[in-house]
Amino acid sequence: MPSRARISSAVFTTAASSSPSPRAPHLALAVATARVLSGTFRPEEAHHLFDELLRQANPVPERALNGFLSALARAPSSAACRDGPALAVALFNRASRADGPQVLSPTVCTYGILMDCCTRAHHPEQTLAFFGQVLKTGLGVNTIMITNLLKGLCEAKRTYEALDILLHRMPELGCVPDVFSYCILLKSLCNNGKSGQAYELLRMMAERKAACSPDVVAYNTVIDGFFKEGDVAKACDLFNEMVQRGISPNLATYNSVVHALCKARAVDKAEAILRQMVDKGVLPNNRTYNNLIYGYSSMGQWKEAVRVFKEMTSRGILPDVVTLNSLMASLCKHGKIKDARDVFDSMAMKGQKPDIFSYQIMLNGYATKGCLVDMADLFNLMLGDSIAPDIHIFSVLIKAYAVEC
């Protein structure tokens, strides 16, 4: 069976050497789309493909074109092509500006894909330009297209322009904002320290109900925004409001609340939230327990940290290196060096490899206790694990030997 590369070449050769068949553009784009999805399609091949399409002067089928552009829009960066979205826009602009018959007949869907490409490629001005083309052509707009515009504006820190479009321009254009449209604005406001304004927008959503009634993602966004701004009280009030409205918190909600409460040193309340989520049938994960272990450790309650760790493992939740480092730090801080070393040695059995922080914690623990032989042995073990010491490691060693001298 010929390889994909040979199939692609065969399509191009046929298109160039014989009378072009109406299906030739469709076949060429189908092969190219498959190559994009497999991560083997290079930009020079894309330009060669469009050379052939322009030379044939046959109309390119809408579905084939949109499928190809959409594949490029979502193509992950690879050795073959680093920026699929930018390539999609460049190819479309090139074909649109070419002399001779126009082979592309872009639809609303095409422009929507291109606007998405511009947003992914971090070119908000081009997103606006394509939106302007749509309005000029009279093709009409839809909610998905305007959502791409909102994303582009928010990414460019033009949140208030996006807000004006959401609240005023969309209704004028006959588009009904959906929850996703609102969530883009909520996230942008919260990311820019405007969680209070995001909350007002959330209330507006609740009043309008219908298609834009706030869901768990909308509430999570604003709750997390308040937490990041340090307004724990407002975040907790909104959490309670969410529950009262009959919207069930999910794992992301609970993790956000647990994290913030632990950070605010209200670990007992955070653990109460853990019990609540379990009662509601929402299973905690690694992140939930990491926050609690860190919270108890930071407050010097190493016994509680150990208790939570044991509960975590009893539930079949595997600790990661963050969990284990936090636990070791707590044990070392309270002189439990042997227990900390047991945790360190168990990392391999738990499928985790100690990182430089793991070694730093244990080296500092040995140094504090004056166990220089154990410290030196562990340092050599670190070198054997191909972990290069940094300035913090050397600082621990220097201080330890300085005290000994």
Protein backbone atom coordinates (compact mmCIF):
# COMPACT_ATOMS: atom_id res chain seq x y z
CA MET A 1 0.00 0.00 0.00
CA PRO A 2 1.47 3.43 -0.90
CA SER A 3 2.33 5.74 1.99
CA ARG A 4 0.28 8.84 2.78
CA ALA A 5 3.08 11.00 1.39
CA ARG A 6 2.90 9.12 -1.95
CA ILE A 7 -0.87 9.37 -2.04
CA SER A 8 -0.58 13.12 -1.50
CA SER A 9 1.97 13.43 -4.31
CA ALA A 10 -0.24 11.38 -6.60
CA VAL A 11 -3.16 13.71 -6.04
CA PHE A 12 -1.03 16.77 -6.82
CA THR A 13 0.50 15.16 -9.92
CA THR A 14 -2.91 14.16 -11.26
CA ALA A 15 -4.22 17.66 -10.69
CA ALA A 16 -1.28 19.24 -12.52
CA SER A 17 -0.88 16.86 -15.48
CA SER A 18 -4.40 16.00 -16.54
CA SER A 19 -7.73 17.70 -16.99
CA PRO A 20 -8.78 18.55 -13.45
CA SER A 21 -11.64 16.50 -12.16
CA PRO A 22 -14.32 18.27 -10.07
CA ARG A 23 -13.37 15.93 -7.21
CA ALA A 24 -9.64 16.71 -7.37
CA PRO A 25 -9.75 19.61 -4.85
CA HIS A 26 -11.89 17.50 -2.55
CA LEU A 27 -9.46 14.58 -2.71
CA ALA A 28 -6.40 16.78 -2.23
CA LEU A 29 -7.92 18.47 0.81
CA ALA A 30 -9.05 15.14 2.27
CA VAL A 31 -5.50 13.77 2.08
CA ALA A 32 -4.09 17.01 3.49
CA THR A 33 -6.57 16.96 6.38
CA ALA A 34 -5.56 13.40 7.27
CA ARG A 35 -1.90 14.47 7.23
CA VAL A 36 -2.66 17.43 9.51
CA LEU A 37 -4.44 15.16 11.98
CA SER A 38 -1.47 12.78 12.00
CA GLY A 39 0.96 15.65 12.64
CA THR A 40 2.98 15.08 9.46
CA PHE A 41 1.79 17.94 7.21
CA ARG A 42 4.41 20.64 6.68
CA PRO A 43 3.73 24.33 5.83
CA GLU A 44 5.56 24.05 2.50
CA GLU A 45 3.25 21.18 1.53
CA ALA A 46 0.25 23.32 2.47
CA HIS A 47 1.43 26.14 0.20
CA HIS A 48 2.09 23.62 -2.58
CA LEU A 49 -1.46 22.32 -2.15
CA PHE A 50 -2.89 25.83 -2.53
CA ASP A 51 -0.66 26.40 -5.60
CA GLU A 52 -2.39 23.42 -7.19
CA LEU A 53 -5.87 24.57 -6.15
CA LEU A 54 -5.31 28.06 -7.56
CA ARG A 55 -3.81 26.65 -10.78
CA GLN A 56 -6.84 24.41 -11.35
CA ALA A 57 -9.19 27.38 -10.88
CA ASN A 58 -11.96 24.98 -9.81
CA PRO A 59 -14.22 25.99 -6.91
CA VAL A 60 -13.08 24.36 -3.69
CA PRO A 61 -15.90 22.43 -1.96
CA GLU A 62 -17.03 24.25 1.18
CA ARG A 63 -17.03 21.20 3.45
CA ALA A 64 -13.57 20.08 2.33
CA LEU A 65 -12.11 23.56 2.86
CA ASN A 66 -13.73 24.00 6.27
CA GLY A 67 -12.60 20.55 7.38
CA PHE A 68 -9.02 21.31 6.39
CA LEU A 69 -8.97 24.74 8.08
CA SER A 70 -10.63 23.32 11.18
CA ALA A 71 -7.99 20.58 11.42
CA LEU A 72 -5.24 23.19 11.20
CA ALA A 73 -6.98 25.31 13.85
CA ARG A 74 -6.86 22.47 16.35
CA ALA A 75 -3.58 20.90 15.30
CA PRO A 76 -1.15 20.63 18.23
CA SER A 77 2.34 22.00 17.68
CA SER A 78 4.55 19.35 16.08
CA ALA A 79 7.91 18.98 14.40
CA ALA A 80 6.13 19.22 11.04
CA CYS A 81 4.07 22.33 11.82
CA ARG A 82 4.50 24.56 14.85
CA ASP A 83 1.52 26.88 14.35
CA GLY A 84 -1.44 25.37 12.53
CA PRO A 85 -3.89 28.24 13.26
CA ALA A 86 -1.51 30.87 11.85
CA LEU A 87 -0.90 28.70 8.78
CA ALA A 88 -4.65 28.35 8.17
CA VAL A 89 -5.10 32.14 8.17
CA ALA A 90 -2.07 32.67 5.92
CA LEU A 91 -3.34 30.13 3.36
CA PHE A 92 -6.83 31.62 3.30
CA ASN A 93 -5.52 35.19 2.90
CA ARG A 94 -3.20 34.09 0.13
CA ALA A 95 -5.98 32.38 -1.83
CA SER A 96 -8.36 35.31 -1.31
CA ARG A 97 -5.85 37.85 -2.65
CA ALA A 98 -4.64 35.75 -5.58
CA ASP A 99 -5.22 36.96 -9.15
CA GLY A 100 -7.58 35.06 -11.40
CA PRO A 101 -10.80 33.21 -10.59
CA GLN A 102 -11.69 32.92 -6.92
CA VAL A 103 -11.60 29.28 -5.90
CA LEU A 104 -12.76 29.90 -2.34
CA SER A 105 -16.33 30.75 -1.41
CA PRO A 106 -16.14 31.28 2.36
CA THR A 107 -19.29 30.77 4.39
CA VAL A 108 -20.24 31.85 7.90
CA CYS A 109 -18.72 28.58 9.11
CA THR A 110 -15.45 29.34 7.28
CA TYR A 111 -15.16 32.76 8.87
CA GLY A 112 -15.97 31.29 12.27
CA ILE A 113 -13.08 28.83 11.89
CA LEU A 114 -10.73 31.61 10.78
CA MET A 115 -11.70 33.78 13.75
CA ASP A 116 -11.01 30.83 16.01
CA CYS A 117 -7.61 30.44 14.33
CA CYS A 118 -6.77 34.09 14.95
CA THR A 119 -7.68 33.76 18.61
CA ARG A 120 -5.58 30.61 18.98
CA ALA A 121 -2.68 32.33 17.18
CA HIS A 122 -3.02 35.34 19.52
CA HIS A 123 -3.94 37.82 16.75
CA PRO A 124 -7.06 39.62 18.04
CA GLU A 125 -6.84 42.36 15.39
CA GLN A 126 -7.23 39.73 12.66
CA THR A 127 -10.19 38.27 14.55
CA LEU A 128 -11.86 41.68 14.38
CA ALA A 129 -10.92 42.05 10.70
CA PHE A 130 -12.58 38.76 9.76
CA PHE A 131 -15.66 39.72 11.75
CA GLY A 132 -15.79 42.98 9.80
CA GLN A 133 -15.60 41.04 6.52
CA VAL A 134 -18.58 38.94 7.58
CA LEU A 135 -20.65 42.05 8.29
CA LYS A 136 -19.63 43.59 4.93
CA THR A 137 -20.53 40.49 2.95
CA GLY A 138 -23.94 40.27 4.61
CA LEU A 139 -23.53 36.57 5.34
CA GLY A 140 -25.00 37.03 8.79
CA VAL A 141 -23.47 36.09 12.11
CA ASN A 142 -24.16 33.47 14.74
CA THR A 143 -23.45 33.01 18.43
CA ILE A 144 -20.44 30.74 17.83
CA MET A 145 -18.77 33.35 15.63
CA ILE A 146 -19.33 36.15 18.13
CA THR A 147 -18.05 33.90 20.91
CA ASN A 148 -14.75 33.64 19.01
CA LEU A 149 -14.72 37.43 18.77
CA LEU A 150 -15.28 37.73 22.53
CA LYS A 151 -12.37 35.35 23.19
CA GLY A 152 -10.08 37.39 20.94
CA LEU A 153 -10.98 40.68 22.59
CA CYS A 154 -10.60 39.30 26.10
CA GLU A 155 -7.23 37.82 25.27
CA ALA A 156 -6.15 41.27 24.06
CA LYS A 157 -7.21 42.75 27.43
CA ARG A 158 -10.13 44.54 25.75
CA THR A 159 -12.66 43.07 28.13
CA TYR A 160 -14.97 46.08 28.23
CA GLU A 161 -15.30 46.11 24.43
CA ALA A 162 -16.22 42.44 24.63
CA LEU A 163 -18.72 43.21 27.38
CA ASP A 164 -20.37 45.87 25.20
CA ILE A 165 -20.69 43.35 22.36
CA LEU A 166 -22.15 40.74 24.71
CA LEU A 167 -24.76 43.03 26.24
CA HIS A 168 -25.64 45.30 23.31
CA ARG A 169 -24.30 44.27 19.90
CA MET A 170 -25.30 40.60 20.10
CA PRO A 171 -29.01 41.39 20.65
CA GLU A 172 -28.85 43.97 17.83
CA LEU A 173 -27.44 41.30 15.50
CA GLY A 174 -30.14 38.83 16.50
CA CYS A 175 -27.80 36.56 18.47
CA VAL A 176 -28.74 35.25 21.90
CA PRO A 177 -25.74 35.02 24.25
CA ASP A 178 -25.35 31.58 25.80
CA VAL A 179 -23.66 30.48 29.01
CA PHE A 180 -20.37 29.95 27.20
CA SER A 181 -20.39 33.55 25.93
CA TYR A 182 -20.94 34.85 29.45
CA CYS A 183 -18.28 32.57 30.93
CA ILE A 184 -15.65 34.07 28.62
CA LEU A 185 -16.38 37.50 30.09
CA LEU A 186 -16.60 36.19 33.65
CA LYS A 187 -13.17 34.58 33.35
CA SER A 188 -11.61 37.67 31.79
CA LEU A 189 -12.99 39.97 34.50
CA CYS A 190 -11.79 37.64 37.27
CA ASN A 191 -8.36 37.26 35.68
CA ASN A 192 -8.03 41.04 35.74
CA GLY A 193 -8.99 41.41 39.39
CA LYS A 194 -12.56 42.49 38.65
CA SER A 195 -14.41 39.69 40.42
CA GLY A 196 -16.93 42.16 41.84
CA GLN A 197 -17.96 43.13 38.30
CA ALA A 198 -18.00 39.47 37.34
CA TYR A 199 -20.41 38.86 40.20
CA GLU A 200 -22.74 41.60 38.88
CA LEU A 201 -22.67 39.94 35.46
CA LEU A 202 -23.43 36.61 37.11
CA ARG A 203 -26.47 38.14 38.80
CA MET A 204 -27.59 39.51 35.45
CA MET A 205 -27.37 36.01 34.00
CA ALA A 206 -29.52 34.65 36.81
CA GLU A 207 -32.15 37.34 36.21
CA ARG A 208 -32.31 36.68 32.47
CA LYS A 209 -32.49 32.90 32.96
CA ALA A 210 -33.34 30.95 29.78
CA ALA A 211 -30.28 30.17 27.63
CA CYS A 212 -27.87 32.15 29.80
CA SER A 213 -28.82 30.95 33.27
CA PRO A 214 -25.52 30.48 35.18
CA ASP A 215 -24.21 26.94 35.50
CA VAL A 216 -21.58 25.36 37.73
CA VAL A 217 -18.74 26.61 35.49
CA ALA A 218 -19.97 30.20 35.76
CA TYR A 219 -20.16 30.00 39.54
CA ASN A 220 -16.78 28.25 39.78
CA THR A 221 -15.17 31.04 37.78
CA VAL A 222 -16.38 33.83 40.06
CA ILE A 223 -15.84 31.86 43.28
CA ASP A 224 -12.24 31.19 42.24
CA GLY A 225 -11.86 34.86 41.28
CA PHE A 226 -12.90 36.03 44.75
CA PHE A 227 -10.54 33.52 46.35
CA LYS A 228 -7.60 34.71 44.24
CA GLU A 229 -8.33 38.28 45.31
CA GLY A 230 -8.30 37.16 48.92
CA ASP A 231 -12.00 37.79 49.50
CA VAL A 232 -12.76 34.48 51.19
CA ALA A 233 -16.03 35.72 52.72
CA LYS A 234 -17.57 36.70 49.36
CA ALA A 235 -16.39 33.47 47.77
CA CYS A 236 -17.97 31.38 50.53
CA ASP A 237 -21.20 33.41 50.33
CA LEU A 238 -21.34 32.76 46.59
CA PHE A 239 -20.67 29.07 47.18
CA ASN A 240 -23.66 28.94 49.54
CA GLU A 241 -25.80 30.92 47.07
CA MET A 242 -24.90 28.44 44.35
CA VAL A 243 -26.06 25.53 46.50
CA GLN A 244 -29.28 27.34 47.45
CA ARG A 245 -30.06 27.86 43.75
CA GLY A 246 -29.93 24.11 43.28
CA ILE A 247 -26.66 24.06 41.34
CA SER A 248 -24.55 21.15 42.55
CA PRO A 249 -20.87 21.95 43.16
CA ASN A 250 -18.45 19.71 41.28
CA LEU A 251 -14.91 18.59 42.07
CA ALA A 252 -13.45 21.84 40.73
CA THR A 253 -15.72 23.87 43.03
CA TYR A 254 -14.81 21.90 46.12
CA ASN A 255 -11.09 21.94 45.33
CA SER A 256 -11.17 25.71 44.90
CA VAL A 257 -12.89 26.14 48.28
CA VAL A 258 -10.58 23.68 50.07
CA HIS A 259 -7.48 25.34 48.60
CA ALA A 260 -8.58 28.84 49.63
CA LEU A 261 -9.58 27.83 53.15
CA CYS A 262 -6.27 26.03 53.70
CA LYS A 263 -4.41 29.08 52.41
CA ALA A 264 -6.40 31.21 54.88
CA ARG A 265 -5.34 28.77 57.65
CA ALA A 266 -8.94 27.64 58.15
CA VAL A 267 -8.01 23.99 57.67
CA ASP A 268 -10.74 22.71 59.98
CA LYS A 269 -13.35 24.36 57.74
CA ALA A 270 -11.58 22.97 54.68
CA GLU A 271 -11.83 19.46 56.10
CA ALA A 272 -15.54 20.04 56.80
CA ILE A 273 -15.92 20.84 53.09
CA LEU A 274 -14.14 17.55 52.31
CA ARG A 275 -16.69 15.65 54.42
CA GLN A 276 -19.52 17.54 52.70
CA MET A 277 -18.31 16.68 49.21
CA VAL A 278 -17.98 13.00 50.12
CA ASP A 279 -21.53 13.04 51.53
CA LYS A 280 -22.73 14.56 48.24
CA GLY A 281 -21.10 11.77 46.25
CA VAL A 282 -18.24 13.88 44.88
CA LEU A 283 -15.01 11.93 45.32
CA PRO A 284 -11.94 13.94 46.40
CA ASN A 285 -8.80 13.62 44.33
CA ASN A 286 -5.08 14.11 44.74
CA ARG A 287 -5.36 17.89 44.70
CA THR A 288 -8.00 17.91 47.46
CA TYR A 289 -5.78 15.97 49.84
CA ASN A 290 -2.62 17.84 48.84
CA ASN A 291 -4.24 21.09 49.95
CA LEU A 292 -5.27 19.63 53.31
CA ILE A 293 -1.87 18.06 53.98
CA TYR A 294 -0.15 21.33 53.09
CA GLY A 295 -2.64 23.26 55.24
CA TYR A 296 -2.04 21.15 58.33
CA SER A 297 1.71 21.08 57.70
CA SER A 298 1.94 24.87 57.41
CA MET A 299 0.18 25.19 60.77
CA GLY A 300 2.59 22.79 62.45
CA GLN A 301 -0.03 20.05 62.90
CA TRP A 302 2.07 17.18 61.58
CA LYS A 303 -0.08 14.49 63.21
CA GLU A 304 -3.14 15.78 61.36
CA ALA A 305 -1.13 15.86 58.13
CA VAL A 306 -0.18 12.21 58.64
CA ARG A 307 -3.80 11.31 59.43
CA VAL A 308 -5.04 12.94 56.22
CA PHE A 309 -2.26 11.22 54.26
CA LYS A 310 -3.34 7.83 55.61
CA GLU A 311 -6.96 8.57 54.74
CA MET A 312 -5.91 9.54 51.23
CA THR A 313 -4.04 6.28 50.61
CA SER A 314 -6.83 4.22 52.21
CA ARG A 315 -9.18 5.63 49.55
CA GLY A 316 -6.85 4.34 46.85
CA ILE A 317 -5.71 7.83 45.85
CA LEU A 318 -2.02 7.70 44.98
CA PRO A 319 0.06 10.55 46.41
CA ASP A 320 2.27 12.47 44.02
CA VAL A 321 5.64 14.09 44.66
CA VAL A 322 3.92 17.29 45.89
CA THR A 323 2.01 15.31 48.52
CA LEU A 324 5.08 13.46 49.72
CA ASN A 325 7.30 16.55 49.79
CA SER A 326 4.74 18.40 51.88
CA LEU A 327 4.49 15.50 54.32
CA MET A 328 8.28 15.10 54.57
CA ALA A 329 8.71 18.83 55.21
CA SER A 330 6.20 18.68 58.06
CA LEU A 331 7.87 15.65 59.63
CA CYS A 332 11.38 17.12 59.34
CA LYS A 333 10.23 20.40 60.84
CA HIS A 334 9.12 18.52 63.94
CA GLY A 335 12.25 16.39 64.21
CA LYS A 336 10.70 13.22 62.77
CA ILE A 337 13.64 12.61 60.44
CA LYS A 338 13.35 8.82 60.45
CA ASP A 339 9.65 9.00 59.56
CA ALA A 340 10.44 11.51 56.83
CA ARG A 341 13.13 9.21 55.43
CA ASP A 342 10.63 6.34 55.40
CA VAL A 343 8.33 8.51 53.28
CA PHE A 344 11.27 9.39 51.02
CA ASP A 345 12.24 5.74 50.56
CA SER A 346 8.62 4.79 49.83
CA MET A 347 8.41 7.17 46.87
CA ALA A 348 9.73 4.62 44.39
CA MET A 349 7.19 2.03 45.59
CA LYS A 350 4.43 4.59 45.04
CA GLY A 351 5.57 5.22 41.49
CA GLN A 352 7.14 8.60 42.27
CA LYS A 353 10.71 9.75 41.75
CA PRO A 354 12.18 12.20 44.29
CA ASP A 355 12.81 15.64 42.78
CA ILE A 356 15.31 18.28 43.86
CA PHE A 357 12.86 19.59 46.48
CA SER A 358 12.55 16.11 47.99
CA TYR A 359 16.32 15.97 48.42
CA GLN A 360 16.51 19.54 49.71
CA ILE A 361 13.90 18.79 52.40
CA MET A 362 15.71 15.66 53.61
CA LEU A 363 19.19 17.20 53.41
CA ASN A 364 18.00 20.16 55.46
CA GLY A 365 16.40 17.76 57.95
CA TYR A 366 19.67 15.85 58.40
CA ALA A 367 21.63 19.11 58.63
CA THR A 368 19.34 20.47 61.34
CA LYS A 369 19.84 17.31 63.39
CA GLY A 370 23.59 17.29 62.78
CA CYS A 371 23.43 13.93 60.96
CA LEU A 372 26.23 14.81 58.54
CA VAL A 373 27.02 11.22 57.51
CA ASP A 374 23.40 10.60 56.51
CA MET A 375 23.36 13.99 54.78
CA ALA A 376 26.48 13.14 52.75
CA ASP A 377 25.10 9.72 51.80
CA LEU A 378 21.85 11.29 50.62
CA PHE A 379 23.74 13.93 48.64
CA ASN A 380 25.66 11.19 46.84
CA LEU A 381 22.37 9.38 46.18
CA MET A 382 21.04 12.57 44.62
CA LEU A 383 24.03 12.80 42.30
CA GLY A 384 23.52 9.13 41.43
CA ASP A 385 19.94 10.00 40.44
CA SER A 386 21.38 12.57 38.00
CA ILE A 387 19.86 15.49 39.89
CA ALA A 388 22.20 18.47 39.78
CA PRO A 389 22.43 20.41 43.06
CA ASP A 390 21.35 24.05 42.98
CA ILE A 391 22.28 27.04 45.14
CA HIS A 392 19.77 26.02 47.83
CA ILE A 393 21.30 22.55 48.18
CA PHE A 394 24.81 23.97 48.44
CA SER A 395 23.58 26.50 51.00
CA VAL A 396 22.25 23.65 53.20
CA LEU A 397 25.58 21.78 52.95
CA ILE A 398 27.74 24.84 53.63
CA LYS A 399 25.73 25.82 56.71
CA ALA A 400 25.80 22.25 58.04
CA TYR A 401 29.59 21.92 57.74
CA ALA A 402 30.13 25.47 59.03
CA VAL A 403 28.27 24.59 62.24
CA GLU A 404 30.30 21.38 62.60
CA CYS A 405 33.57 23.25 62.23
